Amino acid sequence: LVQSGEASAQAGGSLRLSCRASRYATSMAWFRQTPGTERE
């Protein structure tokens, strides 16, 4: 999986992230993590 690069926006704005897979996968997901926290 190869993700798009760093992104930033102002509050209220919008962003699009992408993730290119080398082959089909049935299930895909986005997780996020901040320092000192578990990945959610």
ModelCIF file with pLDDT and N, C-alpha, C, O atoms, coordinates in Angstrom:
data_MODEL
#
_entry.id   MODEL 
#
_entity.id                         1 
_entity.type                       polymer 
_entity.pdbx_number_of_molecules   1 
#
_entity_poly.entity_id                      1 
_entity_poly.type                           'polypeptide(L)' 
_entity_poly.nstd_linkage                   no 
_entity_poly.nstd_monomer                   no 
_entity_poly.pdbx_seq_one_letter_code       LVQSGEASAQAGGSLRLSCRASRYATSMAWFRQTPGTERE 
_entity_poly.pdbx_seq_one_letter_code_can   LVQSGEASAQAGGSLRLSCRASRYATSMAWFRQTPGTERE 
_entity_poly.pdbx_strand_id                 A 
#
loop_
_entity_poly_seq.entity_id 
_entity_poly_seq.num 
_entity_poly_seq.mon_id 
_entity_poly_seq.hetero 
1 1  LEU n 
1 2  VAL n 
1 3  GLN n 
1 4  SER n 
1 5  GLY n 
1 6  GLU n 
1 7  ALA n 
1 8  SER n 
1 9  ALA n 
1 10 GLN n 
1 11 ALA n 
1 12 GLY n 
1 13 GLY n 
1 14 SER n 
1 15 LEU n 
1 16 ARG n 
1 17 LEU n 
1 18 SER n 
1 19 CYS n 
1 20 ARG n 
1 21 ALA n 
1 22 SER n 
1 23 ARG n 
1 24 TYR n 
1 25 ALA n 
1 26 THR n 
1 27 SER n 
1 28 MET n 
1 29 ALA n 
1 30 TRP n 
1 31 PHE n 
1 32 ARG n 
1 33 GLN n 
1 34 THR n 
1 35 PRO n 
1 36 GLY n 
1 37 THR n 
1 38 GLU n 
1 39 ARG n 
1 40 GLU n 
#
_struct_asym.id          A 
_struct_asym.entity_id   1 
#
loop_
_ma_qa_metric.id 
_ma_qa_metric.mode 
_ma_qa_metric.name 
_ma_qa_metric.software_group_id 
_ma_qa_metric.type 
1 global pLDDT . pLDDT 
2 local  pLDDT . pLDDT 
#
_ma_qa_metric_global.metric_id      1 
_ma_qa_metric_global.metric_value   97.42 
_ma_qa_metric_global.model_id       1 
_ma_qa_metric_global.ordinal_id     1 
#
loop_
_ma_qa_metric_local.label_asym_id 
_ma_qa_metric_local.label_comp_id 
_ma_qa_metric_local.label_seq_id 
_ma_qa_metric_local.metric_id 
_ma_qa_metric_local.metric_value 
_ma_qa_metric_local.model_id 
_ma_qa_metric_local.ordinal_id 
A LEU 1  2 98.00 1 1  
A VAL 2  2 98.00 1 2  
A GLN 3  2 98.00 1 3  
A SER 4  2 98.00 1 4  
A GLY 5  2 98.00 1 5  
A GLU 6  2 98.00 1 6  
A ALA 7  2 98.00 1 7  
A SER 8  2 98.00 1 8  
A ALA 9  2 98.00 1 9  
A GLN 10 2 98.00 1 10 
A ALA 11 2 98.00 1 11 
A GLY 12 2 98.00 1 12 
A GLY 13 2 98.00 1 13 
A SER 14 2 98.00 1 14 
A LEU 15 2 98.00 1 15 
A ARG 16 2 98.00 1 16 
A LEU 17 2 98.00 1 17 
A SER 18 2 98.00 1 18 
A CYS 19 2 98.00 1 19 
A ARG 20 2 98.00 1 20 
A ALA 21 2 97.00 1 21 
A SER 22 2 97.00 1 22 
A ARG 23 2 95.00 1 23 
A TYR 24 2 95.00 1 24 
A ALA 25 2 96.00 1 25 
A THR 26 2 96.00 1 26 
A SER 27 2 97.00 1 27 
A MET 28 2 98.00 1 28 
A ALA 29 2 98.00 1 29 
A TRP 30 2 98.00 1 30 
A PHE 31 2 98.00 1 31 
A ARG 32 2 98.00 1 32 
A GLN 33 2 98.00 1 33 
A THR 34 2 98.00 1 34 
A PRO 35 2 96.00 1 35 
A GLY 36 2 94.00 1 36 
A THR 37 2 96.00 1 37 
A GLU 38 2 97.00 1 38 
A ARG 39 2 97.00 1 39 
A GLU 40 2 98.00 1 40 
#
loop_
_atom_site.group_PDB 
_atom_site.id 
_atom_site.type_symbol 
_atom_site.label_atom_id 
_atom_site.label_alt_id 
_atom_site.label_comp_id 
_atom_site.label_asym_id 
_atom_site.label_entity_id 
_atom_site.label_seq_id 
_atom_site.pdbx_PDB_ins_code 
_atom_site.Cartn_x 
_atom_site.Cartn_y 
_atom_site.Cartn_z 
_atom_site.occupancy 
_atom_site.B_iso_or_equiv 
_atom_site.pdbx_formal_charge 
_atom_site.auth_seq_id 
_atom_site.auth_comp_id 
_atom_site.auth_asym_id 
_atom_site.auth_atom_id 
_atom_site.pdbx_PDB_model_num 
ATOM 1   N N  . LEU A 1 1  ? 0.839   -1.184 0.000  1.00 98.00 ? 1  LEU A N  1 
ATOM 2   C CA . LEU A 1 1  ? 0.000   0.000  0.000  1.00 98.00 ? 1  LEU A CA 1 
ATOM 3   C C  . LEU A 1 1  ? 0.878   1.239  0.000  1.00 98.00 ? 1  LEU A C  1 
ATOM 4   O O  . LEU A 1 1  ? 1.812   1.344  0.795  1.00 98.00 ? 1  LEU A O  1 
ATOM 5   N N  . VAL A 1 2  ? 0.580   2.176  -0.891 1.00 98.00 ? 2  VAL A N  1 
ATOM 6   C CA . VAL A 1 2  ? 1.325   3.422  -0.989 1.00 98.00 ? 2  VAL A CA 1 
ATOM 7   C C  . VAL A 1 2  ? 0.359   4.582  -0.841 1.00 98.00 ? 2  VAL A C  1 
ATOM 8   O O  . VAL A 1 2  ? -0.571  4.729  -1.633 1.00 98.00 ? 2  VAL A O  1 
ATOM 9   N N  . GLN A 1 3  ? 0.580   5.407  0.177  1.00 98.00 ? 3  GLN A N  1 
ATOM 10  C CA . GLN A 1 3  ? -0.318  6.490  0.482  1.00 98.00 ? 3  GLN A CA 1 
ATOM 11  C C  . GLN A 1 3  ? 0.158   7.802  -0.123 1.00 98.00 ? 3  GLN A C  1 
ATOM 12  O O  . GLN A 1 3  ? 1.335   7.971  -0.442 1.00 98.00 ? 3  GLN A O  1 
ATOM 13  N N  . SER A 1 4  ? -0.796  8.739  -0.273 1.00 98.00 ? 4  SER A N  1 
ATOM 14  C CA . SER A 1 4  ? -0.473  10.077 -0.708 1.00 98.00 ? 4  SER A CA 1 
ATOM 15  C C  . SER A 1 4  ? 0.302   10.807 0.383  1.00 98.00 ? 4  SER A C  1 
ATOM 16  O O  . SER A 1 4  ? 0.369   10.348 1.523  1.00 98.00 ? 4  SER A O  1 
ATOM 17  N N  . GLY A 1 5  ? 0.884   11.946 0.023  1.00 98.00 ? 5  GLY A N  1 
ATOM 18  C CA . GLY A 1 5  ? 1.772   12.657 0.922  1.00 98.00 ? 5  GLY A CA 1 
ATOM 19  C C  . GLY A 1 5  ? 1.070   13.505 1.959  1.00 98.00 ? 5  GLY A C  1 
ATOM 20  O O  . GLY A 1 5  ? -0.156  13.609 1.990  1.00 98.00 ? 5  GLY A O  1 
ATOM 21  N N  . GLU A 1 6  ? 1.888   14.110 2.809  1.00 98.00 ? 6  GLU A N  1 
ATOM 22  C CA . GLU A 1 6  ? 1.429   14.967 3.892  1.00 98.00 ? 6  GLU A CA 1 
ATOM 23  C C  . GLU A 1 6  ? 0.414   15.990 3.400  1.00 98.00 ? 6  GLU A C  1 
ATOM 24  O O  . GLU A 1 6  ? 0.563   16.553 2.316  1.00 98.00 ? 6  GLU A O  1 
ATOM 25  N N  . ALA A 1 7  ? -0.617  16.225 4.204  1.00 98.00 ? 7  ALA A N  1 
ATOM 26  C CA . ALA A 1 7  ? -1.684  17.135 3.819  1.00 98.00 ? 7  ALA A CA 1 
ATOM 27  C C  . ALA A 1 7  ? -2.054  18.033 4.982  1.00 98.00 ? 7  ALA A C  1 
ATOM 28  O O  . ALA A 1 7  ? -1.976  17.630 6.143  1.00 98.00 ? 7  ALA A O  1 
ATOM 29  N N  . SER A 1 8  ? -2.456  19.250 4.663  1.00 98.00 ? 8  SER A N  1 
ATOM 30  C CA . SER A 1 8  ? -2.870  20.189 5.695  1.00 98.00 ? 8  SER A CA 1 
ATOM 31  C C  . SER A 1 8  ? -4.047  21.018 5.212  1.00 98.00 ? 8  SER A C  1 
ATOM 32  O O  . SER A 1 8  ? -4.246  21.204 4.012  1.00 98.00 ? 8  SER A O  1 
ATOM 33  N N  . ALA A 1 9  ? -4.821  21.510 6.167  1.00 98.00 ? 9  ALA A N  1 
ATOM 34  C CA . ALA A 1 9  ? -5.979  22.329 5.857  1.00 98.00 ? 9  ALA A CA 1 
ATOM 35  C C  . ALA A 1 9  ? -6.331  23.179 7.065  1.00 98.00 ? 9  ALA A C  1 
ATOM 36  O O  . ALA A 1 9  ? -5.900  22.908 8.186  1.00 98.00 ? 9  ALA A O  1 
ATOM 37  N N  . GLN A 1 10 ? -7.118  24.205 6.817  1.00 98.00 ? 10 GLN A N  1 
ATOM 38  C CA . GLN A 1 10 ? -7.676  24.998 7.893  1.00 98.00 ? 10 GLN A CA 1 
ATOM 39  C C  . GLN A 1 10 ? -8.932  24.329 8.426  1.00 98.00 ? 10 GLN A C  1 
ATOM 40  O O  . GLN A 1 10 ? -9.580  23.558 7.718  1.00 98.00 ? 10 GLN A O  1 
ATOM 41  N N  . ALA A 1 11 ? -9.273  24.623 9.668  1.00 98.00 ? 11 ALA A N  1 
ATOM 42  C CA . ALA A 1 11 ? -10.511 24.111 10.238 1.00 98.00 ? 11 ALA A CA 1 
ATOM 43  C C  . ALA A 1 11 ? -11.684 24.479 9.345  1.00 98.00 ? 11 ALA A C  1 
ATOM 44  O O  . ALA A 1 11 ? -11.791 25.609 8.868  1.00 98.00 ? 11 ALA A O  1 
ATOM 45  N N  . GLY A 1 12 ? -12.558 23.510 9.129  1.00 98.00 ? 12 GLY A N  1 
ATOM 46  C CA . GLY A 1 12 ? -13.687 23.700 8.235  1.00 98.00 ? 12 GLY A CA 1 
ATOM 47  C C  . GLY A 1 12 ? -13.408 23.319 6.802  1.00 98.00 ? 12 GLY A C  1 
ATOM 48  O O  . GLY A 1 12 ? -14.326 23.263 5.984  1.00 98.00 ? 12 GLY A O  1 
ATOM 49  N N  . GLY A 1 13 ? -12.156 23.056 6.486  1.00 98.00 ? 13 GLY A N  1 
ATOM 50  C CA . GLY A 1 13 ? -11.771 22.713 5.134  1.00 98.00 ? 13 GLY A CA 1 
ATOM 51  C C  . GLY A 1 13 ? -11.925 21.239 4.830  1.00 98.00 ? 13 GLY A C  1 
ATOM 52  O O  . GLY A 1 13 ? -12.466 20.472 5.627  1.00 98.00 ? 13 GLY A O  1 
ATOM 53  N N  . SER A 1 14 ? -11.432 20.853 3.649  1.00 98.00 ? 14 SER A N  1 
ATOM 54  C CA . SER A 1 14 ? -11.564 19.485 3.164  1.00 98.00 ? 14 SER A CA 1 
ATOM 55  C C  . SER A 1 14 ? -10.232 18.977 2.633  1.00 98.00 ? 14 SER A C  1 
ATOM 56  O O  . SER A 1 14 ? -9.393  19.750 2.168  1.00 98.00 ? 14 SER A O  1 
ATOM 57  N N  . LEU A 1 15 ? -10.057 17.671 2.709  1.00 98.00 ? 15 LEU A N  1 
ATOM 58  C CA . LEU A 1 15 ? -8.882  17.010 2.175  1.00 98.00 ? 15 LEU A CA 1 
ATOM 59  C C  . LEU A 1 15 ? -9.278  15.660 1.609  1.00 98.00 ? 15 LEU A C  1 
ATOM 60  O O  . LEU A 1 15 ? -10.281 15.074 2.015  1.00 98.00 ? 15 LEU A O  1 
ATOM 61  N N  . ARG A 1 16 ? -8.486  15.175 0.675  1.00 98.00 ? 16 ARG A N  1 
ATOM 62  C CA . ARG A 1 16 ? -8.633  13.821 0.162  1.00 98.00 ? 16 ARG A CA 1 
ATOM 63  C C  . ARG A 1 16 ? -7.317  13.084 0.300  1.00 98.00 ? 16 ARG A C  1 
ATOM 64  O O  . ARG A 1 16 ? -6.284  13.551 -0.180 1.00 98.00 ? 16 ARG A O  1 
ATOM 65  N N  . LEU A 1 17 ? -7.351  11.940 0.950  1.00 98.00 ? 17 LEU A N  1 
ATOM 66  C CA . LEU A 1 17 ? -6.212  11.047 1.039  1.00 98.00 ? 17 LEU A CA 1 
ATOM 67  C C  . LEU A 1 17 ? -6.412  9.882  0.083  1.00 98.00 ? 17 LEU A C  1 
ATOM 68  O O  . LEU A 1 17 ? -7.545  9.488  -0.194 1.00 98.00 ? 17 LEU A O  1 
ATOM 69  N N  . SER A 1 18 ? -5.324  9.336  -0.417 1.00 98.00 ? 18 SER A N  1 
ATOM 70  C CA . SER A 1 18 ? -5.416  8.177  -1.291 1.00 98.00 ? 18 SER A CA 1 
ATOM 71  C C  . SER A 1 18 ? -4.433  7.101  -0.863 1.00 98.00 ? 18 SER A C  1 
ATOM 72  O O  . SER A 1 18 ? -3.426  7.376  -0.210 1.00 98.00 ? 18 SER A O  1 
ATOM 73  N N  . CYS A 1 19 ? -4.745  5.884  -1.243 1.00 98.00 ? 19 CYS A N  1 
ATOM 74  C CA . CYS A 1 19 ? -3.933  4.721  -0.902 1.00 98.00 ? 19 CYS A CA 1 
ATOM 75  C C  . CYS A 1 19 ? -4.008  3.765  -2.079 1.00 98.00 ? 19 CYS A C  1 
ATOM 76  O O  . CYS A 1 19 ? -5.066  3.206  -2.370 1.00 98.00 ? 19 CYS A O  1 
ATOM 77  N N  . ARG A 1 20 ? -2.882  3.578  -2.754 1.00 98.00 ? 20 ARG A N  1 
ATOM 78  C CA . ARG A 1 20 ? -2.828  2.711  -3.920 1.00 98.00 ? 20 ARG A CA 1 
ATOM 79  C C  . ARG A 1 20 ? -2.365  1.323  -3.515 1.00 98.00 ? 20 ARG A C  1 
ATOM 80  O O  . ARG A 1 20 ? -1.296  1.161  -2.927 1.00 98.00 ? 20 ARG A O  1 
ATOM 81  N N  . ALA A 1 21 ? -3.174  0.324  -3.832 1.00 97.00 ? 21 ALA A N  1 
ATOM 82  C CA . ALA A 1 21 ? -2.843  -1.058 -3.518 1.00 97.00 ? 21 ALA A CA 1 
ATOM 83  C C  . ALA A 1 21 ? -2.244  -1.752 -4.730 1.00 97.00 ? 21 ALA A C  1 
ATOM 84  O O  . ALA A 1 21 ? -2.599  -1.453 -5.870 1.00 97.00 ? 21 ALA A O  1 
ATOM 85  N N  . SER A 1 22 ? -1.340  -2.672 -4.475 1.00 97.00 ? 22 SER A N  1 
ATOM 86  C CA . SER A 1 22 ? -0.704  -3.406 -5.556 1.00 97.00 ? 22 SER A CA 1 
ATOM 87  C C  . SER A 1 22 ? -1.614  -4.469 -6.156 1.00 97.00 ? 22 SER A C  1 
ATOM 88  O O  . SER A 1 22 ? -1.359  -4.969 -7.251 1.00 97.00 ? 22 SER A O  1 
ATOM 89  N N  . ARG A 1 23 ? -2.665  -4.806 -5.439 1.00 95.00 ? 23 ARG A N  1 
ATOM 90  C CA . ARG A 1 23 ? -3.631  -5.774 -5.910 1.00 95.00 ? 23 ARG A CA 1 
ATOM 91  C C  . ARG A 1 23 ? -4.924  -5.599 -5.143 1.00 95.00 ? 23 ARG A C  1 
ATOM 92  O O  . ARG A 1 23 ? -4.979  -4.872 -4.151 1.00 95.00 ? 23 ARG A O  1 
ATOM 93  N N  . TYR A 1 24 ? -5.953  -6.264 -5.604 1.00 95.00 ? 24 TYR A N  1 
ATOM 94  C CA . TYR A 1 24 ? -7.244  -6.170 -4.943 1.00 95.00 ? 24 TYR A CA 1 
ATOM 95  C C  . TYR A 1 24 ? -7.201  -6.770 -3.545 1.00 95.00 ? 24 TYR A C  1 
ATOM 96  O O  . TYR A 1 24 ? -6.607  -7.825 -3.323 1.00 95.00 ? 24 TYR A O  1 
ATOM 97  N N  . ALA A 1 25 ? -7.840  -6.078 -2.609 1.00 96.00 ? 25 ALA A N  1 
ATOM 98  C CA . ALA A 1 25 ? -8.058  -6.587 -1.266 1.00 96.00 ? 25 ALA A CA 1 
ATOM 99  C C  . ALA A 1 25 ? -9.524  -6.395 -0.929 1.00 96.00 ? 25 ALA A C  1 
ATOM 100 O O  . ALA A 1 25 ? -10.100 -5.343 -1.207 1.00 96.00 ? 25 ALA A O  1 
ATOM 101 N N  . THR A 1 26 ? -10.125 -7.409 -0.332 1.00 96.00 ? 26 THR A N  1 
ATOM 102 C CA . THR A 1 26 ? -11.547 -7.347 -0.055 1.00 96.00 ? 26 THR A CA 1 
ATOM 103 C C  . THR A 1 26 ? -11.905 -6.205 0.887  1.00 96.00 ? 26 THR A C  1 
ATOM 104 O O  . THR A 1 26 ? -12.831 -5.440 0.617  1.00 96.00 ? 26 THR A O  1 
ATOM 105 N N  . SER A 1 27 ? -11.178 -6.091 1.985  1.00 97.00 ? 27 SER A N  1 
ATOM 106 C CA . SER A 1 27 ? -11.464 -5.072 2.985  1.00 97.00 ? 27 SER A CA 1 
ATOM 107 C C  . SER A 1 27 ? -10.298 -4.101 3.103  1.00 97.00 ? 27 SER A C  1 
ATOM 108 O O  . SER A 1 27 ? -9.138  -4.510 3.160  1.00 97.00 ? 27 SER A O  1 
ATOM 109 N N  . MET A 1 28 ? -10.615 -2.822 3.140  1.00 98.00 ? 28 MET A N  1 
ATOM 110 C CA . MET A 1 28 ? -9.610  -1.798 3.345  1.00 98.00 ? 28 MET A CA 1 
ATOM 111 C C  . MET A 1 28 ? -10.153 -0.784 4.337  1.00 98.00 ? 28 MET A C  1 
ATOM 112 O O  . MET A 1 28 ? -11.365 -0.645 4.502  1.00 98.00 ? 28 MET A O  1 
ATOM 113 N N  . ALA A 1 29 ? -9.245  -0.081 4.992  1.00 98.00 ? 29 ALA A N  1 
ATOM 114 C CA . ALA A 1 29 ? -9.655  0.819  6.065  1.00 98.00 ? 29 ALA A CA 1 
ATOM 115 C C  . ALA A 1 29 ? -8.653  1.946  6.236  1.00 98.00 ? 29 ALA A C  1 
ATOM 116 O O  . ALA A 1 29 ? -7.515  1.873  5.773  1.00 98.00 ? 29 ALA A O  1 
ATOM 117 N N  . TRP A 1 30 ? -9.106  2.983  6.912  1.00 98.00 ? 30 TRP A N  1 
ATOM 118 C CA . TRP A 1 30 ? -8.253  4.067  7.372  1.00 98.00 ? 30 TRP A CA 1 
ATOM 119 C C  . TRP A 1 30 ? -8.241  4.074  8.891  1.00 98.00 ? 30 TRP A C  1 
ATOM 120 O O  . TRP A 1 30 ? -9.291  4.028  9.531  1.00 98.00 ? 30 TRP A O  1 
ATOM 121 N N  . PHE A 1 31 ? -7.054  4.131  9.455  1.00 98.00 ? 31 PHE A N  1 
ATOM 122 C CA . PHE A 1 31 ? -6.854  4.321  10.887 1.00 98.00 ? 31 PHE A CA 1 
ATOM 123 C C  . PHE A 1 31 ? -6.100  5.620  11.101 1.00 98.00 ? 31 PHE A C  1 
ATOM 124 O O  . PHE A 1 31 ? -5.480  6.148  10.178 1.00 98.00 ? 31 PHE A O  1 
ATOM 125 N N  . ARG A 1 32 ? -6.154  6.132  12.321 1.00 98.00 ? 32 ARG A N  1 
ATOM 126 C CA . ARG A 1 32 ? -5.354  7.307  12.640 1.00 98.00 ? 32 ARG A CA 1 
ATOM 127 C C  . ARG A 1 32 ? -4.785  7.178  14.041 1.00 98.00 ? 32 ARG A C  1 
ATOM 128 O O  . ARG A 1 32 ? -5.326  6.470  14.891 1.00 98.00 ? 32 ARG A O  1 
ATOM 129 N N  . GLN A 1 33 ? -3.682  7.877  14.260 1.00 98.00 ? 33 GLN A N  1 
ATOM 130 C CA . GLN A 1 33 ? -2.981  7.769  15.525 1.00 98.00 ? 33 GLN A CA 1 
ATOM 131 C C  . GLN A 1 33 ? -2.310  9.089  15.857 1.00 98.00 ? 33 GLN A C  1 
ATOM 132 O O  . GLN A 1 33 ? -1.685  9.713  14.999 1.00 98.00 ? 33 GLN A O  1 
ATOM 133 N N  . THR A 1 34 ? -2.444  9.511  17.108 1.00 98.00 ? 34 THR A N  1 
ATOM 134 C CA . THR A 1 34 ? -1.755  10.682 17.616 1.00 98.00 ? 34 THR A CA 1 
ATOM 135 C C  . THR A 1 34 ? -0.715  10.220 18.628 1.00 98.00 ? 34 THR A C  1 
ATOM 136 O O  . THR A 1 34 ? -0.828  9.115  19.158 1.00 98.00 ? 34 THR A O  1 
ATOM 137 N N  . PRO A 1 35 ? 0.293   11.038 18.908 1.00 96.00 ? 35 PRO A N  1 
ATOM 138 C CA . PRO A 1 35 ? 1.342   10.614 19.835 1.00 96.00 ? 35 PRO A CA 1 
ATOM 139 C C  . PRO A 1 35 ? 0.791   10.181 21.187 1.00 96.00 ? 35 PRO A C  1 
ATOM 140 O O  . PRO A 1 35 ? -0.026  10.877 21.790 1.00 96.00 ? 35 PRO A O  1 
ATOM 141 N N  . GLY A 1 36 ? 1.247   9.027  21.652 1.00 94.00 ? 36 GLY A N  1 
ATOM 142 C CA . GLY A 1 36 ? 0.843   8.532  22.956 1.00 94.00 ? 36 GLY A CA 1 
ATOM 143 C C  . GLY A 1 36 ? -0.500  7.842  23.001 1.00 94.00 ? 36 GLY A C  1 
ATOM 144 O O  . GLY A 1 36 ? -0.950  7.457  24.080 1.00 94.00 ? 36 GLY A O  1 
ATOM 145 N N  . THR A 1 37 ? -1.161  7.668  21.859 1.00 96.00 ? 37 THR A N  1 
ATOM 146 C CA . THR A 1 37 ? -2.457  7.015  21.820 1.00 96.00 ? 37 THR A CA 1 
ATOM 147 C C  . THR A 1 37 ? -2.412  5.767  20.951 1.00 96.00 ? 37 THR A C  1 
ATOM 148 O O  . THR A 1 37 ? -1.495  5.577  20.151 1.00 96.00 ? 37 THR A O  1 
ATOM 149 N N  . GLU A 1 38 ? -3.414  4.926  21.125 1.00 97.00 ? 38 GLU A N  1 
ATOM 150 C CA . GLU A 1 38 ? -3.515  3.738  20.297 1.00 97.00 ? 38 GLU A CA 1 
ATOM 151 C C  . GLU A 1 38 ? -4.061  4.109  18.926 1.00 97.00 ? 38 GLU A C  1 
ATOM 152 O O  . GLU A 1 38 ? -4.737  5.125  18.764 1.00 97.00 ? 38 GLU A O  1 
ATOM 153 N N  . ARG A 1 39 ? -3.763  3.284  17.964 1.00 97.00 ? 39 ARG A N  1 
ATOM 154 C CA . ARG A 1 39 ? -4.274  3.495  16.625 1.00 97.00 ? 39 ARG A CA 1 
ATOM 155 C C  . ARG A 1 39 ? -5.767  3.164  16.601 1.00 97.00 ? 39 ARG A C  1 
ATOM 156 O O  . ARG A 1 39 ? -6.178  2.094  17.050 1.00 97.00 ? 39 ARG A O  1 
ATOM 157 N N  . GLU A 1 40 ? -6.571  4.083  16.077 1.00 98.00 ? 40 GLU A N  1 
ATOM 158 C CA . GLU A 1 40 ? -8.012  3.901  16.095 1.00 98.00 ? 40 GLU A CA 1 
ATOM 159 C C  . GLU A 1 40 ? -8.579  3.871  14.683 1.00 98.00 ? 40 GLU A C  1 
ATOM 160 O O  . GLU A 1 40 ? -9.789  3.725  14.506 1.00 98.00 ? 40 GLU A O  1 
#
